[in-house]
Amino acid sequence: MTEPWKVVRWISLFYSLLGLAGLGLWWWRSDSAEDFFPLGGPSEGLFWPGLAASIAIILFVVGLSRWLEKIWPAIPAALRDIRETLGPMNRWQVFLLAFFSSVGEELFFRAYLQMEIGLLAASVLFGLVHLPPNARWRLWPLFAIAMGFALGLIYQWTQSLWFPILIHAGINYANLYHAVKTGRQK
């Protein structure tokens, strides 16, 4: 049986290092003090629209995930795979995974890579690093590309990583918690 706290520690460490690399590379490549800081607040007047868009995207993607789970047999199988990999996690452990993975990936893929190679290329690379562990997950990279593109658009629109991080963490938390909770019920 997997030890959840050990998994949380290793995954959190990995994503912390990825986030620090992204922030460091952003800083190294920024041309001047006038470059916007990716962890700054949103552009003028975009806090409430950005928050509303973020909540709408989270609700849409989580709802879509639950609907697909009912009609596509690969989704329940993927949930079992996640459960087996992560072990019996509690809400706090799932929250930490969702938090560290979203902050680390957004700092690297949006703050640095998207600014370096563009929205489309960064989205494709984001999808490629989400290559599946088995054939049941074969559409996962396409979903990750689409989400990378959506997160990148939100980042460009608001000029702040806070909304992509919120969306990413919200989706990860809801879906990961659903995966581990579903295992406890059966």
N, C-alpha and C. Protein backbone atom coordinates (compact mmCIF):
# COMPACT_ATOMS: atom_id res chain seq x y z
N MET A 1 0.85 -1.19 0.00
CA MET A 1 0.00 0.00 0.00
C MET A 1 0.88 1.24 0.00
N THR A 2 0.51 2.20 -0.77
CA THR A 2 1.23 3.46 -0.88
C THR A 2 1.09 4.26 0.42
N GLU A 3 2.18 4.89 0.84
CA GLU A 3 2.14 5.77 2.01
C GLU A 3 1.82 7.19 1.53
N PRO A 4 0.60 7.68 1.80
CA PRO A 4 0.20 8.98 1.25
C PRO A 4 1.12 10.13 1.61
N TRP A 5 1.61 10.22 2.85
CA TRP A 5 2.45 11.36 3.19
C TRP A 5 3.78 11.33 2.45
N LYS A 6 4.28 10.14 2.18
CA LYS A 6 5.52 10.04 1.41
C LYS A 6 5.29 10.52 -0.03
N VAL A 7 4.16 10.13 -0.60
CA VAL A 7 3.80 10.58 -1.95
C VAL A 7 3.67 12.10 -1.97
N VAL A 8 2.97 12.66 -0.97
CA VAL A 8 2.77 14.11 -0.90
C VAL A 8 4.11 14.83 -0.80
N ARG A 9 5.00 14.33 0.04
CA ARG A 9 6.31 14.99 0.20
C ARG A 9 7.10 15.00 -1.10
N TRP A 10 7.17 13.86 -1.79
CA TRP A 10 7.96 13.78 -3.02
C TRP A 10 7.35 14.61 -4.14
N ILE A 11 6.04 14.53 -4.28
CA ILE A 11 5.39 15.31 -5.33
C ILE A 11 5.50 16.81 -5.04
N SER A 12 5.31 17.19 -3.79
CA SER A 12 5.43 18.60 -3.40
C SER A 12 6.85 19.12 -3.65
N LEU A 13 7.84 18.31 -3.34
CA LEU A 13 9.23 18.70 -3.59
C LEU A 13 9.47 18.88 -5.09
N PHE A 14 9.02 17.93 -5.89
CA PHE A 14 9.20 18.03 -7.34
C PHE A 14 8.58 19.32 -7.88
N TYR A 15 7.32 19.57 -7.52
CA TYR A 15 6.64 20.75 -8.06
C TYR A 15 7.18 22.05 -7.49
N SER A 16 7.70 22.01 -6.27
CA SER A 16 8.35 23.21 -5.72
C SER A 16 9.60 23.54 -6.54
N LEU A 17 10.37 22.53 -6.87
CA LEU A 17 11.57 22.75 -7.68
C LEU A 17 11.21 23.21 -9.09
N LEU A 18 10.15 22.63 -9.66
CA LEU A 18 9.70 23.07 -10.99
C LEU A 18 9.26 24.54 -10.95
N GLY A 19 8.51 24.91 -9.92
CA GLY A 19 8.07 26.29 -9.77
C GLY A 19 9.22 27.25 -9.58
N LEU A 20 10.18 26.87 -8.75
CA LEU A 20 11.36 27.72 -8.55
C LEU A 20 12.15 27.86 -9.84
N ALA A 21 12.24 26.77 -10.61
CA ALA A 21 12.93 26.84 -11.91
C ALA A 21 12.19 27.81 -12.84
N GLY A 22 10.87 27.71 -12.87
CA GLY A 22 10.08 28.61 -13.72
C GLY A 22 10.24 30.06 -13.32
N LEU A 23 10.17 30.32 -12.02
CA LEU A 23 10.31 31.70 -11.54
C LEU A 23 11.73 32.22 -11.80
N GLY A 24 12.72 31.36 -11.56
CA GLY A 24 14.10 31.75 -11.81
C GLY A 24 14.36 32.02 -13.28
N LEU A 25 13.83 31.17 -14.15
CA LEU A 25 14.00 31.38 -15.59
C LEU A 25 13.25 32.63 -16.05
N TRP A 26 12.05 32.87 -15.49
CA TRP A 26 11.32 34.09 -15.83
C TRP A 26 12.17 35.31 -15.46
N TRP A 27 12.71 35.30 -14.25
CA TRP A 27 13.52 36.43 -13.78
C TRP A 27 14.76 36.62 -14.65
N TRP A 28 15.42 35.52 -14.99
CA TRP A 28 16.63 35.56 -15.80
C TRP A 28 16.33 36.12 -17.20
N ARG A 29 15.17 35.78 -17.77
CA ARG A 29 14.83 36.21 -19.12
C ARG A 29 14.12 37.55 -19.18
N SER A 30 13.66 38.07 -18.03
CA SER A 30 12.93 39.34 -18.08
C SER A 30 13.90 40.46 -18.48
N ASP A 31 13.42 41.32 -19.35
CA ASP A 31 14.27 42.36 -19.92
C ASP A 31 14.47 43.55 -19.01
N SER A 32 13.47 43.87 -18.21
CA SER A 32 13.58 45.08 -17.41
C SER A 32 12.62 45.04 -16.24
N ALA A 33 12.72 46.00 -15.39
CA ALA A 33 11.83 46.11 -14.24
C ALA A 33 10.40 46.39 -14.68
N GLU A 34 10.20 46.85 -15.92
CA GLU A 34 8.86 47.12 -16.40
C GLU A 34 8.10 45.84 -16.77
N ASP A 35 8.81 44.73 -16.94
CA ASP A 35 8.12 43.48 -17.23
C ASP A 35 7.16 43.17 -16.08
N PHE A 36 5.97 42.72 -16.43
CA PHE A 36 5.02 42.43 -15.36
C PHE A 36 5.49 41.22 -14.56
N PHE A 37 5.21 41.25 -13.28
CA PHE A 37 5.58 40.16 -12.39
C PHE A 37 4.45 39.13 -12.42
N PRO A 38 4.72 37.86 -12.76
CA PRO A 38 3.65 36.89 -12.95
C PRO A 38 2.81 36.63 -11.71
N LEU A 39 3.35 36.86 -10.54
CA LEU A 39 2.57 36.64 -9.32
C LEU A 39 1.94 37.92 -8.79
N GLY A 40 1.97 38.98 -9.60
CA GLY A 40 1.30 40.22 -9.21
C GLY A 40 -0.20 40.09 -9.43
N GLY A 41 -0.90 41.09 -9.01
CA GLY A 41 -2.35 41.10 -9.17
C GLY A 41 -2.74 41.25 -10.63
N PRO A 42 -4.01 41.03 -10.92
CA PRO A 42 -4.47 41.14 -12.31
C PRO A 42 -4.45 42.58 -12.81
N SER A 43 -4.55 42.72 -14.12
CA SER A 43 -4.62 44.05 -14.73
C SER A 43 -5.83 44.79 -14.16
N GLU A 44 -5.76 46.10 -14.25
CA GLU A 44 -6.80 46.98 -13.72
C GLU A 44 -8.20 46.53 -14.15
N GLY A 45 -9.08 46.38 -13.18
CA GLY A 45 -10.47 46.05 -13.45
C GLY A 45 -10.74 44.60 -13.80
N LEU A 46 -9.75 43.71 -13.69
CA LEU A 46 -9.96 42.32 -14.10
C LEU A 46 -10.07 41.34 -12.94
N PHE A 47 -10.06 41.83 -11.70
CA PHE A 47 -10.14 40.88 -10.58
C PHE A 47 -11.46 40.11 -10.61
N TRP A 48 -12.59 40.82 -10.60
CA TRP A 48 -13.88 40.13 -10.54
C TRP A 48 -14.19 39.36 -11.82
N PRO A 49 -13.94 39.93 -13.00
CA PRO A 49 -14.16 39.11 -14.20
C PRO A 49 -13.24 37.87 -14.24
N GLY A 50 -11.99 38.04 -13.81
CA GLY A 50 -11.06 36.91 -13.78
C GLY A 50 -11.50 35.84 -12.79
N LEU A 51 -11.98 36.27 -11.63
CA LEU A 51 -12.46 35.33 -10.63
C LEU A 51 -13.71 34.60 -11.13
N ALA A 52 -14.63 35.34 -11.73
CA ALA A 52 -15.85 34.72 -12.27
C ALA A 52 -15.51 33.71 -13.37
N ALA A 53 -14.61 34.08 -14.26
CA ALA A 53 -14.19 33.16 -15.33
C ALA A 53 -13.52 31.92 -14.74
N SER A 54 -12.70 32.11 -13.72
CA SER A 54 -12.01 30.99 -13.08
C SER A 54 -13.00 30.01 -12.46
N ILE A 55 -13.96 30.53 -11.72
CA ILE A 55 -14.96 29.67 -11.09
C ILE A 55 -15.78 28.95 -12.16
N ALA A 56 -16.16 29.66 -13.22
CA ALA A 56 -16.93 29.04 -14.30
C ALA A 56 -16.14 27.90 -14.96
N ILE A 57 -14.87 28.11 -15.19
CA ILE A 57 -14.04 27.07 -15.83
C ILE A 57 -13.91 25.86 -14.90
N ILE A 58 -13.67 26.11 -13.61
CA ILE A 58 -13.57 24.99 -12.65
C ILE A 58 -14.87 24.18 -12.67
N LEU A 59 -16.00 24.86 -12.53
CA LEU A 59 -17.29 24.15 -12.50
C LEU A 59 -17.56 23.39 -13.80
N PHE A 60 -17.23 24.00 -14.93
CA PHE A 60 -17.43 23.34 -16.21
C PHE A 60 -16.57 22.09 -16.34
N VAL A 61 -15.27 22.20 -16.04
CA VAL A 61 -14.37 21.06 -16.23
C VAL A 61 -14.69 19.94 -15.23
N VAL A 62 -14.97 20.29 -13.99
CA VAL A 62 -15.31 19.25 -13.01
C VAL A 62 -16.64 18.59 -13.39
N GLY A 63 -17.62 19.38 -13.81
CA GLY A 63 -18.89 18.80 -14.27
C GLY A 63 -18.70 17.91 -15.49
N LEU A 64 -17.88 18.36 -16.43
CA LEU A 64 -17.57 17.55 -17.61
C LEU A 64 -16.90 16.24 -17.20
N SER A 65 -16.01 16.31 -16.24
CA SER A 65 -15.32 15.10 -15.75
C SER A 65 -16.32 14.10 -15.18
N ARG A 66 -17.28 14.57 -14.38
CA ARG A 66 -18.27 13.68 -13.77
C ARG A 66 -19.18 13.07 -14.84
N TRP A 67 -19.54 13.88 -15.84
CA TRP A 67 -20.38 13.38 -16.93
C TRP A 67 -19.64 12.33 -17.74
N LEU A 68 -18.37 12.61 -18.08
CA LEU A 68 -17.58 11.65 -18.85
C LEU A 68 -17.38 10.35 -18.07
N GLU A 69 -17.28 10.45 -16.76
CA GLU A 69 -17.13 9.26 -15.92
C GLU A 69 -18.32 8.31 -16.11
N LYS A 70 -19.50 8.87 -16.34
CA LYS A 70 -20.70 8.04 -16.49
C LYS A 70 -20.81 7.40 -17.87
N ILE A 71 -20.23 8.02 -18.89
CA ILE A 71 -20.43 7.50 -20.25
C ILE A 71 -19.18 6.87 -20.87
N TRP A 72 -18.03 7.07 -20.24
CA TRP A 72 -16.79 6.57 -20.84
C TRP A 72 -16.08 5.65 -19.85
N PRO A 73 -16.04 4.36 -20.13
CA PRO A 73 -15.47 3.39 -19.18
C PRO A 73 -14.01 3.64 -18.80
N ALA A 74 -13.27 4.35 -19.62
CA ALA A 74 -11.86 4.61 -19.30
C ALA A 74 -11.72 5.52 -18.09
N ILE A 75 -12.70 6.37 -17.82
CA ILE A 75 -12.58 7.31 -16.70
C ILE A 75 -12.62 6.59 -15.35
N PRO A 76 -13.60 5.72 -15.09
CA PRO A 76 -13.55 4.99 -13.81
C PRO A 76 -12.26 4.16 -13.66
N ALA A 77 -11.78 3.62 -14.77
CA ALA A 77 -10.51 2.87 -14.71
C ALA A 77 -9.36 3.80 -14.35
N ALA A 78 -9.36 5.00 -14.92
CA ALA A 78 -8.31 5.98 -14.58
C ALA A 78 -8.41 6.39 -13.12
N LEU A 79 -9.63 6.54 -12.61
CA LEU A 79 -9.80 6.87 -11.19
C LEU A 79 -9.23 5.77 -10.30
N ARG A 80 -9.44 4.52 -10.69
CA ARG A 80 -8.84 3.40 -9.93
C ARG A 80 -7.32 3.48 -9.98
N ASP A 81 -6.76 3.80 -11.16
CA ASP A 81 -5.31 3.94 -11.27
C ASP A 81 -4.78 5.02 -10.33
N ILE A 82 -5.47 6.15 -10.30
CA ILE A 82 -5.06 7.26 -9.42
C ILE A 82 -5.13 6.82 -7.96
N ARG A 83 -6.23 6.18 -7.59
CA ARG A 83 -6.41 5.69 -6.22
C ARG A 83 -5.29 4.74 -5.82
N GLU A 84 -4.96 3.82 -6.69
CA GLU A 84 -3.90 2.85 -6.41
C GLU A 84 -2.53 3.52 -6.29
N THR A 85 -2.29 4.54 -7.10
CA THR A 85 -1.01 5.24 -7.08
C THR A 85 -0.87 6.10 -5.83
N LEU A 86 -1.92 6.83 -5.49
CA LEU A 86 -1.83 7.79 -4.38
C LEU A 86 -2.10 7.17 -3.01
N GLY A 87 -2.89 6.13 -2.97
CA GLY A 87 -3.25 5.53 -1.69
C GLY A 87 -4.42 6.28 -1.06
N PRO A 88 -4.75 5.93 0.18
CA PRO A 88 -5.93 6.50 0.86
C PRO A 88 -5.66 7.89 1.42
N MET A 89 -5.76 8.91 0.60
CA MET A 89 -5.44 10.27 1.04
C MET A 89 -6.64 10.96 1.68
N ASN A 90 -6.33 11.88 2.59
CA ASN A 90 -7.37 12.71 3.18
C ASN A 90 -7.44 14.04 2.41
N ARG A 91 -8.40 14.90 2.80
CA ARG A 91 -8.60 16.18 2.09
C ARG A 91 -7.34 17.05 2.12
N TRP A 92 -6.66 17.09 3.26
CA TRP A 92 -5.47 17.93 3.40
C TRP A 92 -4.36 17.46 2.46
N GLN A 93 -4.16 16.16 2.36
CA GLN A 93 -3.13 15.62 1.47
C GLN A 93 -3.47 15.92 0.01
N VAL A 94 -4.74 15.77 -0.36
CA VAL A 94 -5.17 16.09 -1.72
C VAL A 94 -4.99 17.58 -1.99
N PHE A 95 -5.34 18.41 -1.01
CA PHE A 95 -5.16 19.86 -1.18
C PHE A 95 -3.69 20.19 -1.44
N LEU A 96 -2.78 19.60 -0.68
CA LEU A 96 -1.36 19.88 -0.87
C LEU A 96 -0.89 19.47 -2.26
N LEU A 97 -1.34 18.31 -2.73
CA LEU A 97 -0.98 17.89 -4.09
C LEU A 97 -1.52 18.87 -5.13
N ALA A 98 -2.78 19.26 -4.97
CA ALA A 98 -3.39 20.19 -5.93
C ALA A 98 -2.67 21.54 -5.89
N PHE A 99 -2.34 22.01 -4.71
CA PHE A 99 -1.67 23.31 -4.56
C PHE A 99 -0.28 23.29 -5.19
N PHE A 100 0.55 22.34 -4.78
CA PHE A 100 1.93 22.33 -5.27
C PHE A 100 2.00 22.04 -6.77
N SER A 101 1.15 21.14 -7.28
CA SER A 101 1.20 20.85 -8.71
C SER A 101 0.75 22.06 -9.52
N SER A 102 -0.29 22.76 -9.06
CA SER A 102 -0.77 23.91 -9.84
C SER A 102 0.22 25.07 -9.79
N VAL A 103 0.78 25.38 -8.64
CA VAL A 103 1.74 26.48 -8.54
C VAL A 103 2.99 26.16 -9.35
N GLY A 104 3.52 24.94 -9.18
CA GLY A 104 4.74 24.57 -9.90
C GLY A 104 4.57 24.59 -11.40
N GLU A 105 3.49 23.97 -11.88
CA GLU A 105 3.28 23.92 -13.33
C GLU A 105 2.97 25.29 -13.91
N GLU A 106 2.18 26.09 -13.21
CA GLU A 106 1.85 27.41 -13.75
C GLU A 106 3.07 28.33 -13.77
N LEU A 107 3.89 28.28 -12.74
CA LEU A 107 5.11 29.10 -12.77
C LEU A 107 6.02 28.69 -13.92
N PHE A 108 6.13 27.40 -14.16
CA PHE A 108 7.01 26.95 -15.22
C PHE A 108 6.39 27.14 -16.61
N PHE A 109 5.18 26.62 -16.81
CA PHE A 109 4.60 26.61 -18.15
C PHE A 109 4.02 27.96 -18.57
N ARG A 110 3.40 28.68 -17.66
CA ARG A 110 2.80 29.97 -18.04
C ARG A 110 3.79 31.11 -17.84
N ALA A 111 4.33 31.28 -16.64
CA ALA A 111 5.19 32.45 -16.36
C ALA A 111 6.46 32.43 -17.19
N TYR A 112 7.05 31.25 -17.36
CA TYR A 112 8.29 31.21 -18.13
C TYR A 112 8.07 30.72 -19.57
N LEU A 113 7.66 29.48 -19.72
CA LEU A 113 7.67 28.86 -21.04
C LEU A 113 6.75 29.56 -22.03
N GLN A 114 5.56 29.93 -21.60
CA GLN A 114 4.64 30.60 -22.51
C GLN A 114 5.21 31.94 -22.99
N MET A 115 5.86 32.65 -22.11
CA MET A 115 6.46 33.92 -22.50
C MET A 115 7.67 33.71 -23.41
N GLU A 116 8.27 32.55 -23.31
CA GLU A 116 9.47 32.25 -24.10
C GLU A 116 9.14 31.71 -25.49
N ILE A 117 8.17 30.80 -25.58
CA ILE A 117 7.91 30.12 -26.86
C ILE A 117 6.49 30.33 -27.37
N GLY A 118 5.64 31.00 -26.63
CA GLY A 118 4.29 31.28 -27.08
C GLY A 118 3.24 30.36 -26.51
N LEU A 119 2.01 30.80 -26.62
CA LEU A 119 0.86 30.09 -26.02
C LEU A 119 0.68 28.69 -26.59
N LEU A 120 0.64 28.56 -27.91
CA LEU A 120 0.37 27.26 -28.51
C LEU A 120 1.47 26.25 -28.22
N ALA A 121 2.73 26.64 -28.39
CA ALA A 121 3.84 25.71 -28.14
C ALA A 121 3.90 25.31 -26.67
N ALA A 122 3.69 26.25 -25.76
CA ALA A 122 3.71 25.94 -24.33
C ALA A 122 2.56 25.00 -23.98
N SER A 123 1.40 25.18 -24.61
CA SER A 123 0.25 24.31 -24.36
C SER A 123 0.52 22.89 -24.84
N VAL A 124 1.14 22.77 -26.01
CA VAL A 124 1.48 21.44 -26.53
C VAL A 124 2.49 20.76 -25.61
N LEU A 125 3.51 21.48 -25.18
CA LEU A 125 4.48 20.88 -24.25
C LEU A 125 3.83 20.50 -22.93
N PHE A 126 2.91 21.32 -22.45
CA PHE A 126 2.16 21.00 -21.24
C PHE A 126 1.42 19.67 -21.43
N GLY A 127 0.81 19.49 -22.59
CA GLY A 127 0.14 18.23 -22.88
C GLY A 127 1.09 17.06 -22.97
N LEU A 128 2.25 17.26 -23.55
CA LEU A 128 3.23 16.18 -23.70
C LEU A 128 3.79 15.70 -22.36
N VAL A 129 3.92 16.60 -21.39
CA VAL A 129 4.41 16.14 -20.09
C VAL A 129 3.32 15.42 -19.30
N HIS A 130 2.11 15.43 -19.83
CA HIS A 130 1.02 14.68 -19.21
C HIS A 130 0.75 13.39 -19.99
N LEU A 131 1.81 12.81 -20.57
CA LEU A 131 1.65 11.55 -21.28
C LEU A 131 1.15 10.49 -20.31
N PRO A 132 0.27 9.64 -20.79
CA PRO A 132 -0.39 8.69 -19.90
C PRO A 132 0.48 7.51 -19.49
N PRO A 133 0.16 6.97 -18.30
CA PRO A 133 0.89 5.79 -17.84
C PRO A 133 0.44 4.52 -18.57
N ASN A 134 -0.74 4.55 -19.19
CA ASN A 134 -1.21 3.38 -19.94
C ASN A 134 -2.21 3.83 -21.01
N ALA A 135 -2.63 2.90 -21.85
CA ALA A 135 -3.48 3.23 -23.01
C ALA A 135 -4.86 3.75 -22.62
N ARG A 136 -5.34 3.39 -21.42
CA ARG A 136 -6.67 3.88 -21.01
C ARG A 136 -6.71 5.40 -20.92
N TRP A 137 -5.56 6.03 -20.72
CA TRP A 137 -5.48 7.48 -20.55
C TRP A 137 -5.08 8.19 -21.84
N ARG A 138 -5.22 7.55 -22.98
CA ARG A 138 -4.64 8.08 -24.22
C ARG A 138 -5.14 9.48 -24.61
N LEU A 139 -6.31 9.88 -24.14
CA LEU A 139 -6.80 11.22 -24.47
C LEU A 139 -6.37 12.27 -23.45
N TRP A 140 -5.72 11.84 -22.38
CA TRP A 140 -5.28 12.76 -21.33
C TRP A 140 -4.40 13.89 -21.86
N PRO A 141 -3.40 13.61 -22.71
CA PRO A 141 -2.58 14.72 -23.23
C PRO A 141 -3.39 15.74 -24.03
N LEU A 142 -4.42 15.29 -24.75
CA LEU A 142 -5.25 16.25 -25.50
C LEU A 142 -6.02 17.16 -24.54
N PHE A 143 -6.53 16.58 -23.47
CA PHE A 143 -7.20 17.38 -22.45
C PHE A 143 -6.21 18.38 -21.84
N ALA A 144 -4.98 17.91 -21.56
CA ALA A 144 -3.97 18.79 -20.96
C ALA A 144 -3.59 19.92 -21.93
N ILE A 145 -3.52 19.63 -23.21
CA ILE A 145 -3.23 20.69 -24.20
C ILE A 145 -4.35 21.73 -24.17
N ALA A 146 -5.60 21.27 -24.19
CA ALA A 146 -6.73 22.20 -24.16
C ALA A 146 -6.72 23.03 -22.87
N MET A 147 -6.46 22.39 -21.74
CA MET A 147 -6.41 23.12 -20.47
C MET A 147 -5.22 24.07 -20.45
N GLY A 148 -4.09 23.65 -20.97
CA GLY A 148 -2.93 24.53 -21.05
C GLY A 148 -3.24 25.77 -21.86
N PHE A 149 -3.97 25.59 -22.95
CA PHE A 149 -4.35 26.72 -23.80
C PHE A 149 -5.31 27.65 -23.04
N ALA A 150 -6.30 27.08 -22.36
CA ALA A 150 -7.25 27.89 -21.59
C ALA A 150 -6.55 28.63 -20.46
N LEU A 151 -5.68 27.94 -19.74
CA LEU A 151 -4.94 28.59 -18.65
C LEU A 151 -4.04 29.70 -19.19
N GLY A 152 -3.43 29.44 -20.34
CA GLY A 152 -2.58 30.46 -20.96
C GLY A 152 -3.35 31.68 -21.40
N LEU A 153 -4.56 31.47 -21.92
CA LEU A 153 -5.40 32.61 -22.31
C LEU A 153 -5.79 33.45 -21.10
N ILE A 154 -6.15 32.79 -20.02
CA ILE A 154 -6.51 33.51 -18.79
C ILE A 154 -5.30 34.30 -18.30
N TYR A 155 -4.13 33.69 -18.38
CA TYR A 155 -2.90 34.37 -17.96
C TYR A 155 -2.64 35.61 -18.81
N GLN A 156 -2.78 35.47 -20.12
CA GLN A 156 -2.56 36.62 -21.01
C GLN A 156 -3.60 37.71 -20.78
N TRP A 157 -4.83 37.31 -20.56
CA TRP A 157 -5.92 38.26 -20.39
C TRP A 157 -5.76 39.06 -19.10
N THR A 158 -5.47 38.38 -18.00
CA THR A 158 -5.41 39.06 -16.70
C THR A 158 -4.02 39.57 -16.34
N GLN A 159 -2.99 39.06 -17.02
CA GLN A 159 -1.59 39.39 -16.70
C GLN A 159 -1.24 38.99 -15.28
N SER A 160 -1.82 37.88 -14.81
CA SER A 160 -1.57 37.38 -13.46
C SER A 160 -1.70 35.87 -13.45
N LEU A 161 -0.82 35.20 -12.71
CA LEU A 161 -0.89 33.75 -12.58
C LEU A 161 -1.92 33.29 -11.56
N TRP A 162 -2.44 34.20 -10.75
CA TRP A 162 -3.35 33.79 -9.67
C TRP A 162 -4.57 33.05 -10.21
N PHE A 163 -5.11 33.48 -11.33
CA PHE A 163 -6.30 32.83 -11.87
C PHE A 163 -5.98 31.47 -12.48
N PRO A 164 -4.92 31.32 -13.31
CA PRO A 164 -4.57 29.97 -13.76
C PRO A 164 -4.25 29.02 -12.61
N ILE A 165 -3.59 29.53 -11.56
CA ILE A 165 -3.29 28.69 -10.41
C ILE A 165 -4.59 28.26 -9.73
N LEU A 166 -5.52 29.19 -9.55
CA LEU A 166 -6.80 28.87 -8.93
C LEU A 166 -7.56 27.82 -9.74
N ILE A 167 -7.63 28.01 -11.04
CA ILE A 167 -8.32 27.05 -11.91
C ILE A 167 -7.66 25.68 -11.83
N HIS A 168 -6.36 25.65 -12.00
CA HIS A 168 -5.60 24.41 -11.99
C HIS A 168 -5.77 23.69 -10.66
N ALA A 169 -5.62 24.41 -9.56
CA ALA A 169 -5.74 23.80 -8.23
C ALA A 169 -7.17 23.34 -7.98
N GLY A 170 -8.16 24.13 -8.39
CA GLY A 170 -9.55 23.74 -8.17
C GLY A 170 -9.92 22.46 -8.91
N ILE A 171 -9.50 22.37 -10.16
CA ILE A 171 -9.79 21.16 -10.95
C ILE A 171 -9.03 19.97 -10.38
N ASN A 172 -7.74 20.16 -10.09
CA ASN A 172 -6.95 19.05 -9.54
C ASN A 172 -7.53 18.58 -8.21
N TYR A 173 -7.88 19.52 -7.33
CA TYR A 173 -8.42 19.13 -6.02
C TYR A 173 -9.72 18.35 -6.19
N ALA A 174 -10.66 18.90 -6.95
CA ALA A 174 -11.96 18.24 -7.11
C ALA A 174 -11.81 16.85 -7.71
N ASN A 175 -10.99 16.72 -8.74
CA ASN A 175 -10.87 15.43 -9.40
C ASN A 175 -10.02 14.44 -8.59
N LEU A 176 -8.95 14.89 -7.96
CA LEU A 176 -8.16 13.98 -7.13
C LEU A 176 -8.95 13.53 -5.90
N TYR A 177 -9.64 14.46 -5.26
CA TYR A 177 -10.42 14.08 -4.09
C TYR A 177 -11.54 13.12 -4.48
N HIS A 178 -12.16 13.36 -5.61
CA HIS A 178 -13.19 12.46 -6.10
C HIS A 178 -12.60 11.06 -6.32
N ALA A 179 -11.42 11.00 -6.88
CA ALA A 179 -10.78 9.69 -7.14
C ALA A 179 -10.52 8.94 -5.85
N VAL A 180 -9.94 9.60 -4.85
CA VAL A 180 -9.61 8.88 -3.61
C VAL A 180 -10.88 8.64 -2.77
N LYS A 181 -11.84 9.54 -2.82
CA LYS A 181 -13.09 9.36 -2.08
C LYS A 181 -13.90 8.21 -2.67
N THR A 182 -13.94 8.11 -3.98
CA THR A 182 -14.69 7.05 -4.65
C THR A 182 -14.17 5.68 -4.22
N GLY A 183 -12.88 5.58 -4.02
CA GLY A 183 -12.28 4.31 -3.58
C GLY A 183 -12.69 3.92 -2.17
N ARG A 184 -12.90 4.90 -1.31
CA ARG A 184 -13.29 4.61 0.07
C ARG A 184 -14.73 4.16 0.16
N GLN A 185 -15.56 4.58 -0.82
CA GLN A 185 -16.97 4.24 -0.77
C GLN A 185 -17.24 2.82 -1.26
N LYS A 186 -16.31 2.25 -2.00
CA LYS A 186 -16.57 0.92 -2.61
C LYS A 186 -15.87 -0.18 -1.86
